[in-house]
Amino acid sequence: MSATVNNVVIGNVPKGAGTDDVWPHYFAQIRALMRAGWKCLASSDGTTKTVSDDPELCELGAGTAKGVSGAAAVIAAPVNGRALVTGLAGISIAATSAVGGTGDKGNYLRITSGVAANQHYHQIEEIVDANSVWIDARRAAFTPVADAGPVSWEIIDPTEGGAPTDPIGSATIAWWLGAGPSTIKIPITAAPVAGANAITDNDQLFIPGEEVTQATTGATGEFLGYVFDGANGYLCIHPHARGSGGDPFGWATTNVITGNASGTTATQVGTAVEYRQQLVIHKAANRDNGIIHVQCIDPVGETAEDFAVLAADAACTNLIPPAGVVGPSGGNDFPADPFAACLLGSTPGVVADVWVGTNLGTYGLGQAVAIDAIPEPGYTADGEWFCMSPNAAGVVGHGMFRVLDGEPGAQLCPYVWACSSTSATHSFGNPAARRFRATGTNTVADQFNAEYQQITLNTSVEGMFFGYRARGSGLASDQYTTLGVWEPVEYNDGTNACWRADPGTPWLVGSDPNSPQPKLSGPVHFGSVAQASGRTWGGRAKRLRHVIDGGLLDTHDAGSKVQLSSSPGPFIYTYWDPAIVPVLS
């Protein structure tokens, strides 16, 4: 069957009593992320710190029972990181379209009898039918084992079926660390060989976005791009089905990789490297302030900088989150290398900042979105997210957005991060953070052996995004901005036509240059502008678009898209749950 879609929307979340008390919005965002497939690695409710990827042990809660249960389950031995559970009943199958995702994928299957090692919460990662599911079998502390049963079970919903109840008191500090989507670097020592359907005019030979399959292991993934300098290089892959190999996601060296559409081939030579998105959301001792850390990490080769490793350090406590101090602290320092950043917080890991901009009026209902972070065969889990807190003056929020068509090699981190808070005190990691080197050398002139640098935040509205760029250490830090380059958009009502090539120019409609037409939109392109000798192309947003008019929280296309702002910009996000009508208050 087709992949089950698990996009999560928690809409119209009430804020707390204070004008800027929007912590409940971010608590809802945490629950949406857990349902979408982000794994809780560590957490604290202000009293107890727990370092465990068992969702049942999350100190902020793991959800509530849906009332769907049974006593006849059978658990098969795990295969390539998943275990098949049969003998269930009443499993809800999620929608397979771009919108929907209301089924049980992402919920937890709680095993309550049988082999003791199985009696945990196990995330449902794929739905076979109403009686069978695949569960996650990669968690180190509680990998399921075969049990012929009959086994008792029930379904746990991390979101509690709606806006979750916030248990954290006003003066209580709390934090949560989650691991999201990953990409894989597949090393190569020979250039790919063009297949029968290769696209030879884009220097890639593989077709960007096509699924590739590795021989012997059976591992599959989405091809994002590659670089090769004549001797060394790598493919950038978003993993789909796990293989039988010993590398991350079951890949293995010496095996041939084939593009399913292009027929292009390449051979993995060396160990695959995972690059994982990780996120810390930290509430201060009030409901108005917090810290948000993001990180793209190699959890094997960069353990000293890994938020999950820092969480186990003695300097990380029930009150101090991972990377919660600027060193030397003895082990919980905010990473300077590899890349880590503070979406929110005036100093990385130290001083909390306001969740929202001040002096903008009373905030209303929050909107939390988390795009599916659980891949399946033939299906990429982008893992995007955003949390927004609107008021009559606009919207403030944070998020992570997938980009397409980025610079070759930079697709190992195919995301930009966004922070729209009006505070200008946000801080970021080392602007020369080393990342993604194809070989052990690094020169400014050599694209393929170059370091990847952080692109930091510009506080202007169209410069609120940052990410990686494919350049060497000789270039200074730079910003991403949304470029004034739109794909041609034309509207024709039979009498008048209108078009605009740049956001800075008005729409032209017949003889009236100032008459806008509704709901015309174009893609958001990211690029850097400050470096005259080193400008970079970040790509285009997959789900974020500019729109010419409309209002904050308007929905478009039968409720499947939501507008994030009225001006400036403004932006539309192309996933929304049509069953939810977002309102300001």
Protein backbone atom coordinates (compact mmCIF):
# COMPACT_ATOMS: atom_id res chain seq x y z
CA MET A 1 0.00 0.00 0.00
CA SER A 2 1.01 3.66 -0.27
CA ALA A 3 2.90 5.31 2.53
CA THR A 4 0.79 6.56 5.40
CA VAL A 5 1.08 10.29 5.94
CA ASN A 6 1.54 11.59 9.46
CA ASN A 7 1.44 15.39 9.26
CA VAL A 8 0.31 16.86 12.57
CA VAL A 9 -1.55 20.12 13.19
CA ILE A 10 -2.49 21.29 16.67
CA GLY A 11 -4.54 24.39 16.01
CA ASN A 12 -5.95 27.22 18.08
CA VAL A 13 -3.95 26.53 21.26
CA PRO A 14 -4.90 28.96 24.06
CA LYS A 15 -2.09 30.96 25.61
CA GLY A 16 -1.73 31.51 29.33
CA ALA A 17 -3.04 34.39 31.39
CA GLY A 18 -0.28 36.90 30.62
CA THR A 19 -0.01 39.10 27.53
CA ASP A 20 3.09 37.22 26.31
CA ASP A 21 2.35 33.88 27.99
CA VAL A 22 2.77 31.69 24.93
CA TRP A 23 4.59 28.73 26.53
CA PRO A 24 1.47 26.58 25.95
CA HIS A 25 2.03 27.06 22.21
CA TYR A 26 5.53 25.58 22.49
CA PHE A 27 4.34 22.78 24.76
CA ALA A 28 1.84 21.89 22.05
CA GLN A 29 4.65 22.05 19.49
CA ILE A 30 6.64 19.47 21.49
CA ARG A 31 3.65 17.12 21.50
CA ALA A 32 3.13 17.63 17.75
CA LEU A 33 6.79 16.82 17.12
CA MET A 34 6.56 13.62 19.17
CA ARG A 35 3.50 12.49 17.22
CA ALA A 36 5.20 13.33 13.92
CA GLY A 37 8.12 11.06 14.78
CA TRP A 38 10.69 13.21 16.58
CA LYS A 39 12.21 11.02 19.28
CA CYS A 40 12.42 12.38 22.82
CA LEU A 41 16.04 11.79 23.89
CA ALA A 42 16.00 13.63 27.23
CA SER A 43 13.67 15.87 29.21
CA SER A 44 13.03 17.61 32.51
CA ASP A 45 9.90 18.79 34.29
CA GLY A 46 11.98 21.06 36.55
CA THR A 47 12.28 18.40 39.23
CA THR A 48 13.62 15.32 37.45
CA LYS A 49 15.98 15.03 34.50
CA THR A 50 15.62 11.84 32.46
CA VAL A 51 18.01 10.82 29.70
CA SER A 52 16.22 8.10 27.74
CA ASP A 53 14.71 7.60 24.31
CA ASP A 54 11.85 5.61 25.82
CA PRO A 55 8.87 7.92 25.13
CA GLU A 56 7.08 6.54 28.16
CA LEU A 57 9.75 8.20 30.33
CA CYS A 58 9.39 11.69 28.83
CA GLU A 59 9.10 14.04 31.82
CA LEU A 60 6.65 16.26 29.92
CA GLY A 61 4.34 13.29 29.41
CA ALA A 62 3.89 10.82 26.58
CA GLY A 63 0.17 11.26 25.88
CA THR A 64 -3.02 9.47 26.80
CA ALA A 65 -4.78 6.26 25.80
CA LYS A 66 -7.16 6.53 22.83
CA GLY A 67 -9.41 3.76 24.07
CA VAL A 68 -8.29 1.37 21.29
CA SER A 69 -6.87 -1.84 22.78
CA GLY A 70 -6.82 -5.62 22.53
CA ALA A 71 -5.28 -8.81 23.85
CA ALA A 72 -4.31 -10.89 20.81
CA ALA A 73 -1.17 -9.24 19.40
CA VAL A 74 1.80 -11.18 18.02
CA ILE A 75 5.24 -9.54 17.76
CA ALA A 76 7.67 -10.75 15.11
CA ALA A 77 11.44 -10.54 15.43
CA PRO A 78 12.76 -7.15 14.26
CA VAL A 79 13.96 -6.78 10.68
CA ASN A 80 16.16 -3.82 9.71
CA GLY A 81 15.09 -1.65 12.62
CA ARG A 82 11.37 -2.40 12.65
CA ALA A 83 9.19 -5.15 14.08
CA LEU A 84 5.88 -6.32 12.60
CA VAL A 85 2.98 -6.57 15.05
CA THR A 86 -0.12 -8.50 13.96
CA GLY A 87 -3.31 -9.54 15.69
CA LEU A 88 -4.37 -5.94 16.37
CA ALA A 89 -7.80 -4.47 15.67
CA GLY A 90 -9.21 -1.03 14.93
CA ILE A 91 -5.96 0.57 13.72
CA SER A 92 -6.78 3.81 11.89
CA ILE A 93 -5.12 4.10 8.48
CA ALA A 94 -3.87 7.61 7.76
CA ALA A 95 -4.72 9.49 4.60
CA THR A 96 -2.29 8.90 1.73
CA SER A 97 -2.71 12.32 0.13
CA ALA A 98 -0.64 15.43 0.83
CA VAL A 99 -3.17 16.44 3.43
CA GLY A 100 -4.68 14.34 6.15
CA GLY A 101 -2.62 12.15 8.41
CA THR A 102 -5.28 11.53 11.04
CA GLY A 103 -4.56 7.83 11.53
CA ASP A 104 -2.43 5.95 14.06
CA LYS A 105 0.98 6.36 12.45
CA GLY A 106 3.07 8.26 14.99
CA ASN A 107 1.00 7.09 17.93
CA TYR A 108 2.55 4.66 20.41
CA LEU A 109 1.68 1.00 20.69
CA ARG A 110 1.89 0.23 24.39
CA ILE A 111 2.59 -3.44 25.13
CA THR A 112 1.17 -4.42 28.52
CA SER A 113 1.80 -8.19 28.77
CA GLY A 114 4.06 -10.95 27.52
CA VAL A 115 7.84 -10.66 27.40
CA ALA A 116 8.89 -8.04 29.94
CA ALA A 117 11.41 -6.43 27.55
CA ASN A 118 8.53 -5.48 25.24
CA GLN A 119 6.42 -3.73 27.85
CA HIS A 120 7.11 -0.16 26.73
CA TYR A 121 5.70 2.46 24.36
CA HIS A 122 6.73 1.67 20.76
CA GLN A 123 6.11 4.26 18.04
CA ILE A 124 4.03 3.07 15.09
CA GLU A 125 6.13 3.79 12.00
CA GLU A 126 4.10 2.17 9.25
CA ILE A 127 0.54 0.87 8.97
CA VAL A 128 -0.02 -2.34 7.00
CA ASP A 129 -3.77 -2.58 7.59
CA ALA A 130 -6.30 -2.23 10.38
CA ASN A 131 -4.79 -5.26 12.13
CA SER A 132 -1.03 -4.91 11.52
CA VAL A 133 1.66 -2.25 12.00
CA TRP A 134 5.42 -1.90 11.95
CA ILE A 135 6.88 -0.44 15.14
CA ASP A 136 10.22 1.24 15.75
CA ALA A 137 12.86 -1.29 16.81
CA ARG A 138 15.92 0.98 16.96
CA ARG A 139 15.64 2.25 20.53
CA ALA A 140 18.67 1.00 22.42
CA ALA A 141 16.96 0.59 25.80
CA PHE A 142 13.95 -1.44 24.66
CA THR A 143 14.40 -3.13 21.31
CA PRO A 144 11.36 -5.43 20.93
CA VAL A 145 11.81 -9.18 20.72
CA ALA A 146 9.60 -11.85 19.18
CA ASP A 147 6.55 -12.87 21.22
CA ALA A 148 3.99 -15.31 19.83
CA GLY A 149 1.49 -13.96 22.33
CA PRO A 150 -1.30 -13.40 22.73
CA VAL A 151 -0.09 -9.99 23.94
CA SER A 152 -2.20 -7.19 25.40
CA TRP A 153 -1.84 -3.71 23.95
CA GLU A 154 -3.34 -0.22 23.68
CA ILE A 155 -2.81 2.90 21.57
CA ILE A 156 -1.35 6.06 23.16
CA ASP A 157 -1.74 9.45 21.41
CA PRO A 158 1.17 11.85 22.20
CA THR A 159 -1.04 14.85 21.43
CA GLU A 160 -3.88 13.67 23.68
CA GLY A 161 -6.14 13.95 20.65
CA GLY A 162 -6.06 17.75 20.47
CA ALA A 163 -4.53 20.74 22.23
CA PRO A 164 -2.60 18.96 25.00
CA THR A 165 -2.96 19.84 28.67
CA ASP A 166 0.08 21.80 29.84
CA PRO A 167 1.25 20.50 33.25
CA ILE A 168 4.14 22.94 33.70
CA GLY A 169 3.61 25.66 36.29
CA SER A 170 4.39 29.31 35.72
CA ALA A 171 7.59 29.38 37.80
CA THR A 172 8.74 25.89 36.78
CA ILE A 173 11.72 25.41 34.47
CA ALA A 174 11.30 22.61 31.93
CA TRP A 175 13.12 21.41 28.83
CA TRP A 176 12.86 18.79 26.06
CA LEU A 177 15.42 17.36 23.61
CA GLY A 178 14.24 15.66 20.43
CA ALA A 179 15.87 14.02 17.40
CA GLY A 180 14.25 14.57 14.03
CA PRO A 181 14.91 13.70 10.38
CA SER A 182 18.28 12.60 9.08
CA THR A 183 20.21 12.69 5.84
CA ILE A 184 23.09 10.39 4.89
CA LYS A 185 26.46 11.08 3.28
CA ILE A 186 27.44 8.16 1.02
CA PRO A 187 31.17 8.37 0.14
CA ILE A 188 32.25 7.63 -3.43
CA THR A 189 35.69 7.40 -5.10
CA ALA A 190 34.46 7.31 -8.70
CA ALA A 191 32.04 9.49 -10.58
CA PRO A 192 28.50 8.20 -11.08
CA VAL A 193 27.85 6.40 -14.35
CA ALA A 194 24.95 7.77 -16.39
CA GLY A 195 21.93 5.54 -16.81
CA ALA A 196 19.61 5.31 -19.78
CA ASN A 197 17.35 8.08 -18.44
CA ALA A 198 19.99 10.26 -16.84
CA ILE A 199 19.63 14.03 -17.02
CA THR A 200 23.00 15.00 -18.44
CA ASP A 201 22.53 18.77 -18.50
CA ASN A 202 22.37 19.30 -14.72
CA ASP A 203 25.78 17.86 -13.73
CA GLN A 204 24.05 15.33 -11.49
CA LEU A 205 23.14 12.35 -13.76
CA PHE A 206 20.78 11.12 -11.10
CA ILE A 207 17.37 12.82 -11.18
CA PRO A 208 16.99 15.06 -8.11
CA GLY A 209 14.19 13.65 -5.98
CA GLU A 210 14.26 10.14 -7.46
CA GLU A 211 14.43 7.08 -5.23
CA VAL A 212 17.70 5.17 -5.25
CA THR A 213 18.25 1.57 -4.15
CA GLN A 214 21.43 -0.05 -2.87
CA ALA A 215 22.24 -3.56 -4.04
CA THR A 216 22.65 -6.32 -1.42
CA THR A 217 21.43 -4.24 1.54
CA GLY A 218 18.13 -3.16 -0.04
CA ALA A 219 18.45 0.30 1.51
CA THR A 220 16.53 3.02 -0.32
CA GLY A 221 16.34 6.79 -0.17
CA GLU A 222 15.65 10.04 -2.00
CA PHE A 223 18.59 11.34 -4.05
CA LEU A 224 19.30 14.97 -3.18
CA GLY A 225 22.60 15.70 -4.95
CA TYR A 226 26.28 14.82 -5.08
CA VAL A 227 29.75 16.30 -5.47
CA PHE A 228 32.89 14.68 -6.90
CA ASP A 229 36.33 16.26 -7.40
CA GLY A 230 37.96 13.59 -9.55
CA ALA A 231 39.08 11.43 -6.63
CA ASN A 232 36.57 11.77 -3.81
CA GLY A 233 33.02 12.86 -3.26
CA TYR A 234 29.70 11.84 -1.78
CA LEU A 235 26.00 11.41 -2.47
CA CYS A 236 23.41 13.17 -0.32
CA ILE A 237 20.49 10.87 0.50
CA HIS A 238 17.27 11.22 2.50
CA PRO A 239 16.73 7.66 3.83
CA HIS A 240 13.58 5.67 3.07
CA ALA A 241 13.58 1.93 3.77
CA ARG A 242 16.38 0.71 6.04
CA GLY A 243 18.73 -1.84 4.59
CA SER A 244 20.50 -4.87 6.03
CA GLY A 245 23.96 -3.27 6.23
CA GLY A 246 25.79 -2.10 9.32
CA ASP A 247 26.03 1.59 8.47
CA PRO A 248 23.39 4.16 9.50
CA PHE A 249 19.96 3.21 8.10
CA GLY A 250 21.37 -0.12 6.94
CA TRP A 251 23.66 1.05 4.14
CA ALA A 252 27.05 -0.64 3.59
CA THR A 253 30.26 -0.04 1.67
CA THR A 254 31.22 -1.66 -1.69
CA ASN A 255 27.60 -1.86 -2.85
CA VAL A 256 26.20 -0.29 -6.03
CA ILE A 257 23.48 2.38 -5.76
CA THR A 258 21.06 2.73 -8.68
CA GLY A 259 18.62 5.49 -9.49
CA ASN A 260 15.22 3.86 -9.92
CA ALA A 261 14.18 6.36 -12.61
CA SER A 262 17.47 7.46 -14.18
CA GLY A 263 19.32 4.15 -14.10
CA THR A 264 22.44 6.06 -13.02
CA THR A 265 24.77 4.10 -10.74
CA ALA A 266 27.41 4.89 -8.12
CA THR A 267 29.31 2.69 -5.68
CA GLN A 268 29.58 3.37 -1.97
CA VAL A 269 33.22 3.24 -0.88
CA GLY A 270 33.59 3.86 2.85
CA THR A 271 31.22 4.19 5.78
CA ALA A 272 27.99 6.14 5.42
CA VAL A 273 27.61 9.09 7.81
CA GLU A 274 24.31 10.21 9.32
CA TYR A 275 23.50 13.90 9.83
CA ARG A 276 20.62 14.27 12.27
CA GLN A 277 18.49 17.29 13.15
CA GLN A 278 18.20 17.83 16.91
CA LEU A 279 16.22 20.39 18.85
CA VAL A 280 16.08 21.68 22.43
CA ILE A 281 13.05 23.64 23.64
CA HIS A 282 13.59 25.13 27.10
CA LYS A 283 11.09 27.01 29.26
CA ALA A 284 12.46 29.57 31.73
CA ALA A 285 11.15 30.15 35.26
CA ASN A 286 8.19 32.01 33.80
CA ARG A 287 5.87 31.52 30.85
CA ASP A 288 7.16 34.39 28.71
CA ASN A 289 10.79 33.37 28.09
CA GLY A 290 12.65 30.43 26.67
CA ILE A 291 15.57 29.05 24.70
CA ILE A 292 15.50 27.05 21.46
CA HIS A 293 18.66 25.29 20.26
CA VAL A 294 19.02 23.52 16.91
CA GLN A 295 21.81 21.28 15.68
CA CYS A 296 22.76 19.15 12.69
CA ILE A 297 25.01 16.45 14.13
CA ASP A 298 26.96 13.34 13.21
CA PRO A 299 26.03 11.29 16.31
CA VAL A 300 28.94 8.88 15.78
CA GLY A 301 31.82 11.16 14.82
CA GLU A 302 30.85 14.24 16.86
CA THR A 303 29.76 12.82 20.17
CA ALA A 304 31.43 15.56 22.22
CA GLU A 305 29.15 18.15 20.62
CA ASP A 306 25.98 16.06 20.51
CA PHE A 307 23.06 17.49 22.52
CA ALA A 308 22.12 13.91 23.46
CA VAL A 309 25.58 13.32 24.93
CA LEU A 310 25.57 16.69 26.67
CA ALA A 311 22.23 15.79 28.24
CA ALA A 312 23.95 13.02 30.22
CA ASP A 313 26.62 15.36 31.57
CA ALA A 314 26.47 16.36 35.23
CA ALA A 315 26.35 20.03 34.24
CA CYS A 316 23.05 19.36 32.47
CA THR A 317 20.48 19.26 35.25
CA ASN A 318 16.77 19.41 35.82
CA LEU A 319 17.12 23.21 35.49
CA ILE A 320 19.88 23.53 32.86
CA PRO A 321 19.16 22.05 29.39
CA PRO A 322 21.68 20.34 27.07
CA ALA A 323 24.23 22.88 25.83
CA GLY A 324 22.89 25.05 28.61
CA VAL A 325 26.05 26.96 29.43
CA VAL A 326 28.86 28.68 27.58
CA GLY A 327 32.02 26.81 28.58
CA PRO A 328 34.10 25.67 30.02
CA SER A 329 31.52 23.99 32.24
CA GLY A 330 33.08 20.57 32.37
CA GLY A 331 30.98 19.03 29.63
CA ASN A 332 27.71 20.85 28.88
CA ASP A 333 29.10 23.76 26.88
CA PHE A 334 27.22 25.20 23.96
CA PRO A 335 28.89 23.69 20.86
CA ALA A 336 31.03 25.98 18.77
CA ASP A 337 31.93 23.25 16.29
CA PRO A 338 30.15 21.51 14.67
CA PHE A 339 27.26 23.77 13.87
CA ALA A 340 24.70 24.54 16.52
CA ALA A 341 22.52 27.59 16.77
CA CYS A 342 20.20 29.41 19.12
CA LEU A 343 16.85 30.20 17.54
CA LEU A 344 15.86 31.81 20.81
CA GLY A 345 18.07 33.02 23.66
CA SER A 346 20.25 36.08 24.02
CA THR A 347 23.41 34.05 24.57
CA PRO A 348 23.70 30.46 23.35
CA GLY A 349 22.59 28.21 26.15
CA VAL A 350 22.60 30.81 28.93
CA VAL A 351 20.02 33.57 29.03
CA ALA A 352 16.41 32.96 28.03
CA ASP A 353 14.76 35.41 25.67
CA VAL A 354 11.11 36.24 25.07
CA TRP A 355 9.18 33.67 23.03
CA VAL A 356 7.54 36.53 21.16
CA GLY A 357 8.26 40.14 20.31
CA THR A 358 7.37 42.62 23.00
CA ASN A 359 5.03 45.60 22.73
CA LEU A 360 3.00 44.08 19.91
CA GLY A 361 -0.23 43.67 21.80
CA THR A 362 -1.85 40.65 23.35
CA TYR A 363 -1.12 37.35 21.62
CA GLY A 364 -3.91 35.01 20.67
CA LEU A 365 -4.22 31.32 19.83
CA GLY A 366 -1.11 29.40 18.82
CA GLN A 367 -0.76 27.15 15.77
CA ALA A 368 1.66 24.19 15.81
CA VAL A 369 2.58 22.15 12.72
CA ALA A 370 4.90 19.14 12.48
CA ILE A 371 5.38 17.40 9.12
CA ASP A 372 5.91 13.64 9.13
CA ALA A 373 9.40 12.68 10.37
CA ILE A 374 8.98 8.90 9.88
CA PRO A 375 10.21 7.64 6.48
CA GLU A 376 8.76 4.62 4.73
CA PRO A 377 9.67 2.75 1.54
CA GLY A 378 9.28 5.19 -1.34
CA TYR A 379 8.46 8.07 0.99
CA THR A 380 10.59 10.90 2.37
CA ALA A 381 9.86 12.21 5.85
CA ASP A 382 10.80 15.88 5.71
CA GLY A 383 10.22 16.55 9.41
CA GLU A 384 9.51 20.27 8.97
CA TRP A 385 7.91 22.16 11.84
CA PHE A 386 6.81 25.60 12.86
CA CYS A 387 5.12 27.16 15.86
CA MET A 388 3.45 30.54 15.52
CA SER A 389 1.90 32.92 18.01
CA PRO A 390 -0.24 35.53 16.24
CA ASN A 391 -1.81 38.78 17.30
CA ALA A 392 -3.48 41.63 15.49
CA ALA A 393 -0.09 43.11 14.57
CA GLY A 394 1.28 39.96 12.98
CA VAL A 395 2.80 36.62 13.90
CA VAL A 396 5.94 35.55 15.73
CA GLY A 397 7.33 32.06 15.58
CA HIS A 398 10.12 29.59 14.94
CA GLY A 399 10.51 26.68 12.59
CA MET A 400 12.54 24.44 10.28
CA PHE A 401 11.75 24.28 6.55
CA ARG A 402 12.88 21.84 3.84
CA VAL A 403 14.57 23.32 0.77
CA LEU A 404 14.92 21.86 -2.71
CA ASP A 405 17.50 22.43 -5.46
CA GLY A 406 20.24 23.62 -3.12
CA GLU A 407 23.91 23.75 -4.02
CA PRO A 408 25.36 20.29 -4.69
CA GLY A 409 26.75 18.81 -1.49
CA ALA A 410 24.95 21.27 0.76
CA GLN A 411 21.89 19.01 0.64
CA LEU A 412 23.33 17.05 3.55
CA CYS A 413 21.45 19.67 5.52
CA PRO A 414 18.50 20.46 3.23
CA TYR A 415 16.81 22.81 5.69
CA VAL A 416 16.68 26.43 6.73
CA TRP A 417 15.70 27.54 10.20
CA ALA A 418 13.50 30.54 10.84
CA CYS A 419 13.06 32.92 13.74
CA SER A 420 10.63 35.78 13.39
CA SER A 421 10.89 37.18 16.89
CA THR A 422 11.38 40.94 16.92
CA SER A 423 14.13 40.62 19.52
CA ALA A 424 17.53 41.33 17.97
CA THR A 425 19.49 39.41 20.61
CA HIS A 426 19.44 35.93 19.12
CA SER A 427 22.85 34.28 18.91
CA PHE A 428 24.36 31.56 16.78
CA GLY A 429 27.23 29.10 16.78
CA ASN A 430 30.70 29.43 15.32
CA PRO A 431 30.30 31.08 11.89
CA ALA A 432 33.10 28.89 10.52
CA ALA A 433 31.63 25.66 11.88
CA ARG A 434 33.18 22.69 10.12
CA ARG A 435 30.82 20.33 8.47
CA PHE A 436 30.42 17.78 5.65
CA ARG A 437 33.96 17.62 4.28
CA ALA A 438 34.29 15.16 1.43
CA THR A 439 37.97 14.51 2.21
CA GLY A 440 40.39 15.48 4.93
CA THR A 441 41.53 18.63 3.15
CA ASN A 442 40.00 22.07 3.11
CA THR A 443 40.74 24.94 0.78
CA VAL A 444 38.79 28.04 -0.04
CA ALA A 445 38.97 27.43 -3.77
CA ASP A 446 37.97 23.76 -3.72
CA GLN A 447 34.19 23.45 -3.58
CA PHE A 448 34.26 19.71 -3.08
CA ASN A 449 36.65 19.65 -0.12
CA ALA A 450 35.30 22.83 1.42
CA GLU A 451 33.93 23.35 4.86
CA TYR A 452 30.26 24.20 5.15
CA GLN A 453 29.55 27.43 6.90
CA GLN A 454 26.64 28.67 8.87
CA ILE A 455 24.55 31.45 7.39
CA THR A 456 23.31 33.56 10.24
CA LEU A 457 20.13 35.42 10.90
CA ASN A 458 19.39 38.85 9.60
CA THR A 459 16.80 40.57 11.79
CA SER A 460 14.85 41.91 8.82
CA VAL A 461 11.67 40.04 7.98
CA GLU A 462 12.97 38.61 4.71
CA GLY A 463 16.33 37.72 6.28
CA MET A 464 15.03 35.65 9.16
CA PHE A 465 16.27 32.35 7.71
CA PHE A 466 19.61 30.65 8.14
CA GLY A 467 21.23 27.36 7.14
CA TYR A 468 24.38 25.89 5.56
CA ARG A 469 26.27 26.95 2.51
CA ALA A 470 28.88 25.12 0.45
CA ARG A 471 31.97 27.27 0.80
CA GLY A 472 35.40 27.16 2.42
CA SER A 473 36.55 28.88 5.59
CA GLY A 474 37.95 31.85 3.69
CA LEU A 475 34.51 33.42 3.46
CA ALA A 476 32.91 35.29 6.32
CA SER A 477 29.58 34.40 7.81
CA ASP A 478 26.63 35.49 5.71
CA GLN A 479 22.86 35.58 5.88
CA TYR A 480 20.11 33.92 3.92
CA THR A 481 17.44 36.20 2.63
CA THR A 482 14.46 35.50 0.44
CA LEU A 483 15.67 36.64 -2.94
CA GLY A 484 13.82 39.04 -5.19
CA VAL A 485 13.54 36.32 -7.80
CA TRP A 486 10.12 34.86 -8.46
CA GLU A 487 9.24 32.33 -11.07
CA PRO A 488 7.02 34.07 -13.62
CA VAL A 489 3.44 34.21 -12.40
CA GLU A 490 0.68 35.33 -14.70
CA TYR A 491 -3.00 35.98 -14.13
CA ASN A 492 -5.47 36.50 -16.95
CA ASP A 493 -9.19 37.12 -16.42
CA GLY A 494 -9.93 37.23 -20.14
CA THR A 495 -9.43 40.99 -20.36
CA ASN A 496 -6.44 41.96 -18.25
CA ALA A 497 -3.19 40.14 -17.50
CA CYS A 498 -0.92 40.79 -14.56
CA TRP A 499 2.58 39.70 -13.68
CA ARG A 500 5.39 40.54 -11.32
CA ALA A 501 9.00 39.41 -11.58
CA ASP A 502 10.26 40.84 -8.30
CA PRO A 503 8.63 41.32 -4.86
CA GLY A 504 9.72 44.95 -4.94
CA THR A 505 7.62 45.87 -7.95
CA PRO A 506 3.82 46.23 -8.10
CA TRP A 507 1.54 43.85 -9.87
CA LEU A 508 0.63 45.09 -13.33
CA VAL A 509 -3.03 44.58 -14.21
CA GLY A 510 -4.26 46.12 -17.44
CA SER A 511 -3.97 49.89 -17.20
CA ASP A 512 -3.99 49.95 -13.39
CA PRO A 513 -0.49 49.12 -12.03
CA ASN A 514 -1.69 49.10 -8.42
CA SER A 515 -4.62 46.71 -8.67
CA PRO A 516 -3.71 43.36 -7.03
CA GLN A 517 -5.33 40.08 -7.87
CA PRO A 518 -6.05 37.69 -5.01
CA LYS A 519 -4.09 34.60 -4.00
CA LEU A 520 -1.39 34.72 -6.65
CA SER A 521 1.72 33.15 -5.19
CA GLY A 522 5.28 32.22 -6.05
CA PRO A 523 7.96 30.07 -4.46
CA VAL A 524 10.30 31.39 -1.79
CA HIS A 525 13.92 31.25 -2.93
CA PHE A 526 16.79 31.44 -0.44
CA GLY A 527 20.18 32.92 -1.19
CA SER A 528 22.90 35.01 0.39
CA VAL A 529 23.48 38.59 -0.64
CA ALA A 530 26.17 40.16 1.55
CA GLN A 531 29.18 38.31 0.13
CA ALA A 532 30.09 39.98 -3.14
CA SER A 533 32.69 37.29 -3.94
CA GLY A 534 30.92 34.34 -2.37
CA ARG A 535 27.19 34.52 -2.78
CA THR A 536 25.48 31.21 -2.35
CA TRP A 537 22.27 29.54 -3.43
CA GLY A 538 20.31 27.89 -0.65
CA GLY A 539 17.48 26.52 -2.75
CA ARG A 540 13.73 27.02 -2.76
CA ALA A 541 11.30 26.21 0.00
CA LYS A 542 9.27 23.04 -0.51
CA ARG A 543 6.16 24.20 1.37
CA LEU A 544 6.62 27.93 1.93
CA ARG A 545 5.38 30.40 -0.69
CA HIS A 546 5.01 34.13 -1.11
CA VAL A 547 1.49 35.41 -1.69
CA ILE A 548 0.38 38.78 -2.97
CA ASP A 549 -2.53 39.42 -0.65
CA GLY A 550 -4.81 37.88 1.95
CA GLY A 551 -4.79 38.08 5.72
CA LEU A 552 -3.13 36.40 8.66
CA LEU A 553 -4.51 32.86 9.23
CA ASP A 554 -6.51 32.90 6.01
CA THR A 555 -6.79 29.44 4.51
CA HIS A 556 -6.54 28.72 0.79
CA ASP A 557 -7.32 25.87 -1.61
CA ALA A 558 -10.18 24.31 0.36
CA GLY A 559 -8.40 24.81 3.66
CA SER A 560 -5.23 22.91 2.70
CA LYS A 561 -2.94 25.95 3.01
CA VAL A 562 -2.60 28.55 5.77
CA GLN A 563 -1.37 32.12 5.53
CA LEU A 564 1.30 33.02 8.08
CA SER A 565 1.30 36.77 7.69
CA SER A 566 -0.44 39.66 6.00
CA SER A 567 2.62 41.90 5.62
CA PRO A 568 5.43 42.17 4.87
CA GLY A 569 6.04 39.11 2.82
CA PRO A 570 3.54 37.61 3.17
CA PHE A 571 3.91 33.82 3.36
CA ILE A 572 1.62 30.85 2.80
CA TYR A 573 2.45 27.38 4.15
CA THR A 574 1.21 24.67 1.81
CA TYR A 575 0.15 22.15 4.42
CA TRP A 576 -2.75 22.64 6.77
CA ASP A 577 -5.48 20.39 8.13
CA PRO A 578 -8.73 21.42 6.37
CA ALA A 579 -10.71 20.25 9.41
CA ILE A 580 -9.18 23.06 11.50
CA VAL A 581 -10.21 26.67 10.99
CA PRO A 582 -7.40 28.78 12.48
CA VAL A 583 -8.51 31.88 14.34
CA LEU A 584 -6.64 34.64 16.11
CA SER A 585 -8.49 34.46 19.42
